[in-house]
C-alpha atoms as a PDB file:
ATOM      1  CA  MET A   1      -4.213   4.650  22.250  1.00  0.00           C
ATOM      2  CA  VAL A   2      -6.287   3.858  19.528  1.00  0.00           C
ATOM      3  CA  THR A   3      -8.039   6.865  17.522  1.00  0.00           C
ATOM      4  CA  THR A   4     -11.033   7.307  15.367  1.00  0.00           C
ATOM      5  CA  ARG A   5      -8.729   8.653  12.661  1.00  0.00           C
ATOM      6  CA  LEU A   6      -5.949   5.950  13.554  1.00  0.00           C
ATOM      7  CA  TRP A   7      -8.561   2.558  13.089  1.00  0.00           C
ATOM      8  CA  ILE A   8      -9.813   4.712   9.958  1.00  0.00           C
ATOM      9  CA  SER A   9      -6.948   4.728   8.813  1.00  0.00           C
ATOM     10  CA  SER A  10      -5.806   1.131   9.628  1.00  0.00           C
ATOM     11  CA  VAL A  11      -8.964   0.203   7.535  1.00  0.00           C
ATOM     12  CA  LEU A  12      -8.590   2.397   4.700  1.00  0.00           C
ATOM     13  CA  MET A  13      -4.797   1.138   4.361  1.00  0.00           C
ATOM     14  CA  THR A  14      -6.089  -2.367   4.522  1.00  0.00           C
ATOM     15  CA  ILE A  15      -8.312  -2.231   2.036  1.00  0.00           C
ATOM     16  CA  ALA A  16      -5.755  -0.792  -0.252  1.00  0.00           C
ATOM     17  CA  LEU A  17      -3.130  -3.466   0.377  1.00  0.00           C
ATOM     18  CA  LEU A  18      -5.622  -6.301  -0.107  1.00  0.00           C
ATOM     19  CA  ALA A  19      -6.902  -4.690  -3.197  1.00  0.00           C
ATOM     20  CA  VAL A  20      -3.475  -5.387  -5.196  1.00  0.00           C
ATOM     21  CA  VAL A  21      -3.577  -9.423  -3.929  1.00  0.00           C
ATOM     22  CA  PRO A  22      -5.545 -10.775  -7.174  1.00  0.00           C
ATOM     23  CA  PHE A  23      -3.315  -8.970  -9.457  1.00  0.00           C
ATOM     24  CA  SER A  24       0.114 -10.398  -7.349  1.00  0.00           C
ATOM     25  CA  LEU A  25      -1.375 -13.747  -7.218  1.00  0.00           C
ATOM     26  CA  ARG A  26      -1.803 -13.553 -11.206  1.00  0.00           C
ATOM     27  CA  LEU A  27       1.737 -12.383 -11.414  1.00  0.00           C
ATOM     28  CA  ALA A  28       3.306 -15.347  -9.235  1.00  0.00           C
ATOM     29  CA  GLY A  29       0.718 -17.986 -10.959  1.00  0.00           C
ATOM     30  CA  THR A  30       3.373 -17.749 -14.106  1.00  0.00           C
ATOM     31  CA  TRP A  31       5.500 -20.065 -11.959  1.00  0.00           C
ATOM     32  CA  ARG A  32       5.256 -22.936 -14.216  1.00  0.00           C
ATOM     33  CA  LEU A  33       7.040 -20.543 -17.005  1.00  0.00           C
ATOM     34  CA  ARG A  34      10.372 -20.174 -17.285  1.00  0.00           C
ATOM     35  CA  VAL A  35      10.213 -17.950 -20.446  1.00  0.00           C
ATOM     36  CA  PHE A  36       7.929 -15.982 -22.740  1.00  0.00           C
ATOM     37  CA  ARG A  37       7.965 -16.000 -26.160  1.00  0.00           C
ATOM     38  CA  VAL A  38       7.787 -12.587 -27.738  1.00  0.00           C
ATOM     39  CA  ALA A  39       8.767 -13.057 -31.372  1.00  0.00           C
ATOM     40  CA  ASP A  40       9.828 -16.204 -33.635  1.00  0.00           C
ATOM     41  CA  ASN A  41      12.962 -16.522 -31.880  1.00  0.00           C
ATOM     42  CA  GLN A  42      12.868 -13.791 -28.944  1.00  0.00           C
ATOM     43  CA  TYR A  43      12.229 -14.847 -25.453  1.00  0.00           C
ATOM     44  CA  VAL A  44      12.557 -13.219 -22.592  1.00  0.00           C
ATOM     45  CA  GLU A  45      12.475 -14.472 -18.809  1.00  0.00           C
ATOM     46  CA  ASN A  46       9.668 -14.638 -16.536  1.00  0.00           C
ATOM     47  CA  TYR A  47      10.090 -11.859 -14.280  1.00  0.00           C
ATOM     48  CA  TRP A  48       6.429 -11.633 -13.025  1.00  0.00           C
ATOM     49  CA  LEU A  49       7.287 -14.165 -10.480  1.00  0.00           C
ATOM     50  CA  PRO A  50       9.459 -12.753  -8.657  1.00  0.00           C
ATOM     51  CA  MET A  51       7.630  -9.642  -8.848  1.00  0.00           C
ATOM     52  CA  GLY A  52       4.457 -11.500  -7.947  1.00  0.00           C
ATOM     53  CA  LEU A  53       6.161 -13.164  -4.843  1.00  0.00           C
ATOM     54  CA  ALA A  54       7.821  -9.833  -3.734  1.00  0.00           C
ATOM     55  CA  SER A  55       4.405  -8.208  -3.792  1.00  0.00           C
ATOM     56  CA  LEU A  56       2.682 -10.778  -1.906  1.00  0.00           C
ATOM     57  CA  THR A  57       5.453 -10.621   0.744  1.00  0.00           C
ATOM     58  CA  LEU A  58       4.994  -6.644   1.183  1.00  0.00           C
ATOM     59  CA  ILE A  59       1.626  -6.557   1.198  1.00  0.00           C
ATOM     60  CA  CYS A  60       1.545  -9.428   4.383  1.00  0.00           C
ATOM     61  CA  ILE A  61       4.306  -7.262   5.817  1.00  0.00           C
ATOM     62  CA  GLY A  62       2.310  -3.930   5.354  1.00  0.00           C
ATOM     63  CA  LEU A  63      -1.250  -5.858   6.734  1.00  0.00           C
ATOM     64  CA  PHE A  64       0.973  -6.984  10.011  1.00  0.00           C
ATOM     65  CA  VAL A  65       2.747  -3.309  10.503  1.00  0.00           C
ATOM     66  CA  VAL A  66      -0.991  -1.889  10.369  1.00  0.00           C
ATOM     67  CA  TRP A  67      -2.671  -4.040  12.621  1.00  0.00           C
ATOM     68  CA  SER A  68       0.207  -4.626  14.956  1.00  0.00           C
ATOM     69  CA  HIS A  69       1.648  -1.057  15.162  1.00  0.00           C
ATOM     70  CA  PHE A  70       0.239   1.189  12.989  1.00  0.00           C
ATOM     71  CA  ARG A  71      -3.519   1.207  14.311  1.00  0.00           C
ATOM     72  CA  ARG A  72      -1.470   2.173  17.920  1.00  0.00           C
ATOM     73  CA  GLY A  73      -0.034   5.313  16.266  1.00  0.00           C
ATOM     74  CA  GLN A  74       3.778   4.382  15.977  1.00  0.00           C
ATOM     75  CA  ARG A  75       5.571   6.723  14.458  1.00  0.00           C
ATOM     76  CA  SER A  76       8.170   3.765  12.994  1.00  0.00           C
ATOM     77  CA  ALA A  77       4.989   1.984  11.731  1.00  0.00           C
ATOM     78  CA  TRP A  78       4.102   4.890   9.738  1.00  0.00           C
ATOM     79  CA  LEU A  79       7.399   5.116   8.025  1.00  0.00           C
ATOM     80  CA  ILE A  80       7.381   1.578   6.846  1.00  0.00           C
ATOM     81  CA  LEU A  81       3.493   2.280   5.018  1.00  0.00           C
ATOM     82  CA  PHE A  82       5.138   5.161   3.598  1.00  0.00           C
ATOM     83  CA  LEU A  83       8.313   3.196   2.095  1.00  0.00           C
ATOM     84  CA  ILE A  84       5.875   0.391   1.115  1.00  0.00           C
ATOM     85  CA  ALA A  85       3.568   3.001  -0.840  1.00  0.00           C
ATOM     86  CA  SER A  86       6.338   5.249  -2.361  1.00  0.00           C
ATOM     87  CA  LEU A  87       9.080   2.173  -3.095  1.00  0.00           C
ATOM     88  CA  PHE A  88       6.255   0.239  -3.968  1.00  0.00           C
ATOM     89  CA  TYR A  89       3.085   0.350  -4.784  1.00  0.00           C
ATOM     90  CA  PHE A  90       3.894   3.527  -7.100  1.00  0.00           C
ATOM     91  CA  PRO A  91       7.184   2.866  -9.006  1.00  0.00           C
ATOM     92  CA  VAL A  92       5.591  -1.069  -9.269  1.00  0.00           C
ATOM     93  CA  LEU A  93       2.137  -0.631 -10.095  1.00  0.00           C
ATOM     94  CA  ILE A  94       1.473   2.738 -11.508  1.00  0.00           C
ATOM     95  CA  PHE A  95       4.537   4.168 -12.770  1.00  0.00           C
ATOM     96  CA  PRO A  96       5.516   1.838 -15.469  1.00  0.00           C
ATOM     97  CA  GLN A  97       1.759   2.848 -16.892  1.00  0.00           C
ATOM     98  CA  PHE A  98       2.414   6.613 -16.278  1.00  0.00           C
ATOM     99  CA  PRO A  99       0.091   8.476 -18.925  1.00  0.00           C
ATOM    100  CA  ILE A 100       0.802  11.681 -20.537  1.00  0.00           C
ATOM    101  CA  ASN A 101      -2.663  12.660 -21.044  1.00  0.00           C
ATOM    102  CA  TRP A 102      -4.381  12.019 -17.524  1.00  0.00           C
ATOM    103  CA  THR A 103      -7.865  13.100 -18.947  1.00  0.00           C
ATOM    104  CA  ALA A 104      -7.950  10.852 -21.953  1.00  0.00           C
ATOM    105  CA  ARG A 105      -6.649   8.250 -19.665  1.00  0.00           C
ATOM    106  CA  ILE A 106      -9.586   8.596 -17.058  1.00  0.00           C
ATOM    107  CA  GLN A 107     -12.296   8.978 -19.316  1.00  0.00           C
ATOM    108  CA  ASN A 108     -11.202   5.381 -21.341  1.00  0.00           C
ATOM    109  CA  ALA A 109     -11.012   3.619 -18.225  1.00  0.00           C
ATOM    110  CA  PHE A 110     -14.466   3.257 -18.144  1.00  0.00           C
ATOM    111  CA  THR A 111     -15.050   1.938 -21.625  1.00  0.00           C
ATOM    112  CA  GLU A 112     -12.301   0.222 -22.080  1.00  0.00           C
ATOM    113  CA  LYS A 113     -11.054  -3.154 -20.279  1.00  0.00           C
ATOM    114  CA  ASP A 114      -7.776  -4.583 -19.452  1.00  0.00           C
ATOM    115  CA  ARG A 115      -4.541  -3.139 -18.770  1.00  0.00           C
ATOM    116  CA  LEU A 116      -6.123   0.903 -18.384  1.00  0.00           C
ATOM    117  CA  GLN A 117      -8.917  -0.531 -15.682  1.00  0.00           C
ATOM    118  CA  GLU A 118      -6.740  -2.290 -13.946  1.00  0.00           C
ATOM    119  CA  TRP A 119      -4.146   0.458 -14.031  1.00  0.00           C
ATOM    120  CA  THR A 120      -6.872   2.975 -13.045  1.00  0.00           C
ATOM    121  CA  PHE A 121      -7.351   0.516  -9.835  1.00  0.00           C
ATOM    122  CA  HIS A 122      -4.159   0.738  -8.885  1.00  0.00           C
ATOM    123  CA  LEU A 123      -4.331   4.369  -9.087  1.00  0.00           C
ATOM    124  CA  LEU A 124      -7.544   4.733  -6.971  1.00  0.00           C
ATOM    125  CA  GLY A 125      -5.421   1.837  -4.354  1.00  0.00           C
ATOM    126  CA  PHE A 126      -2.718   4.449  -4.202  1.00  0.00           C
ATOM    127  CA  PHE A 127      -5.054   7.588  -3.755  1.00  0.00           C
ATOM    128  CA  LEU A 128      -6.532   5.217  -1.031  1.00  0.00           C
ATOM    129  CA  MET A 129      -3.095   4.720   0.639  1.00  0.00           C
ATOM    130  CA  LEU A 130      -2.044   8.446   0.872  1.00  0.00           C
ATOM    131  CA  ILE A 131      -5.458   9.680   2.485  1.00  0.00           C
ATOM    132  CA  ALA A 132      -4.927   6.560   4.968  1.00  0.00           C
ATOM    133  CA  LEU A 133      -1.011   8.089   5.537  1.00  0.00           C
ATOM    134  CA  LEU A 134      -2.078  11.853   5.664  1.00  0.00           C
ATOM    135  CA  LEU A 135      -5.234  10.936   8.089  1.00  0.00           C
ATOM    136  CA  PRO A 136      -3.489  10.108  10.771  1.00  0.00           C
ATOM    137  CA  LEU A 137      -0.647  12.386  10.740  1.00  0.00           C
ATOM    138  CA  LYS A 138      -2.154  14.721  13.977  1.00  0.00           C
ATOM    139  CA  ASP A 139      -2.397  11.768  16.063  1.00  0.00           C
ATOM    140  CA  ILE A 140       1.075  10.283  15.475  1.00  0.00           C
ATOM    141  CA  PHE A 141       3.288  13.307  15.016  1.00  0.00           C
ATOM    142  CA  TRP A 142       1.644  15.969  17.326  1.00  0.00           C
ATOM    143  CA  ARG A 143       0.193  14.291  19.934  1.00  0.00           C
ATOM    144  CA  SER A 144       0.211  16.059  23.020  1.00  0.00           C
ATOM    145  CA  LYS A 145       2.670  14.613  25.799  1.00  0.00           C
ATOM    146  CA  PRO A 146       0.934  13.294  29.026  1.00  0.00           C
ATOM    147  CA  SER A 147       1.311  15.388  31.996  1.00  0.00           C
ATOM    148  CA  PRO A 148       4.073  14.737  34.838  1.00  0.00           C
ATOM    149  CA  ALA A 149       1.008  14.583  37.536  1.00  0.00           C
ATOM    150  CA  SER A 150      -0.853  11.799  35.145  1.00  0.00           C
ATOM    151  CA  SER A 151       2.337   9.764  35.084  1.00  0.00           C
ATOM    152  CA  GLU A 152       2.677   9.225  39.071  1.00  0.00           C
ATOM    153  CA  MET A 153       1.465   6.435  40.575  1.00  0.00           C
ATOM    154  CA  PRO A 154      -1.865   6.839  42.523  1.00  0.00           C
ATOM    155  CA  GLY A 155      -1.537   7.270  46.203  1.00  0.00           C
ATOM    156  CA  LEU A 156       2.114   8.446  45.956  1.00  0.00           C
ATOM    157  CA  SER A 157       1.789  12.126  46.598  1.00  0.00           C
ATOM    158  CA  LYS A 158       4.194  14.074  47.667  1.00  0.00           C
END
């Protein structure tokens, strides 16, 4: 049964997942480059391409799970989305640029461009994911069991 909380949570999770698509496409768009030049004679391999493709794959899996199973309140779908949020979204998009000084980082996000705004955008997306995961907890894990009388077929009374 789809409740209002599950529906709202599904929409929030969809927004959070789709917000990462431009970043992932930008990473996957480096497919023509095998290596990056970092100094005169120093090159590093292009690890952005596999990261972008893996991100797009996890986004597609997440969207499939949200709209096929999560909105119906299945516990396994909640677990899959929790794993995507905790093992993909946070470590890949937020943790590498984790700030020491939070207040300065957030204040500078509105004035500076590029990486700082992108990091703040991903942080807001992560908080949106957390809200989407916490909102339907009651509907998923603590729902009431149907009474035995309601599970009987009509017309088959004792």
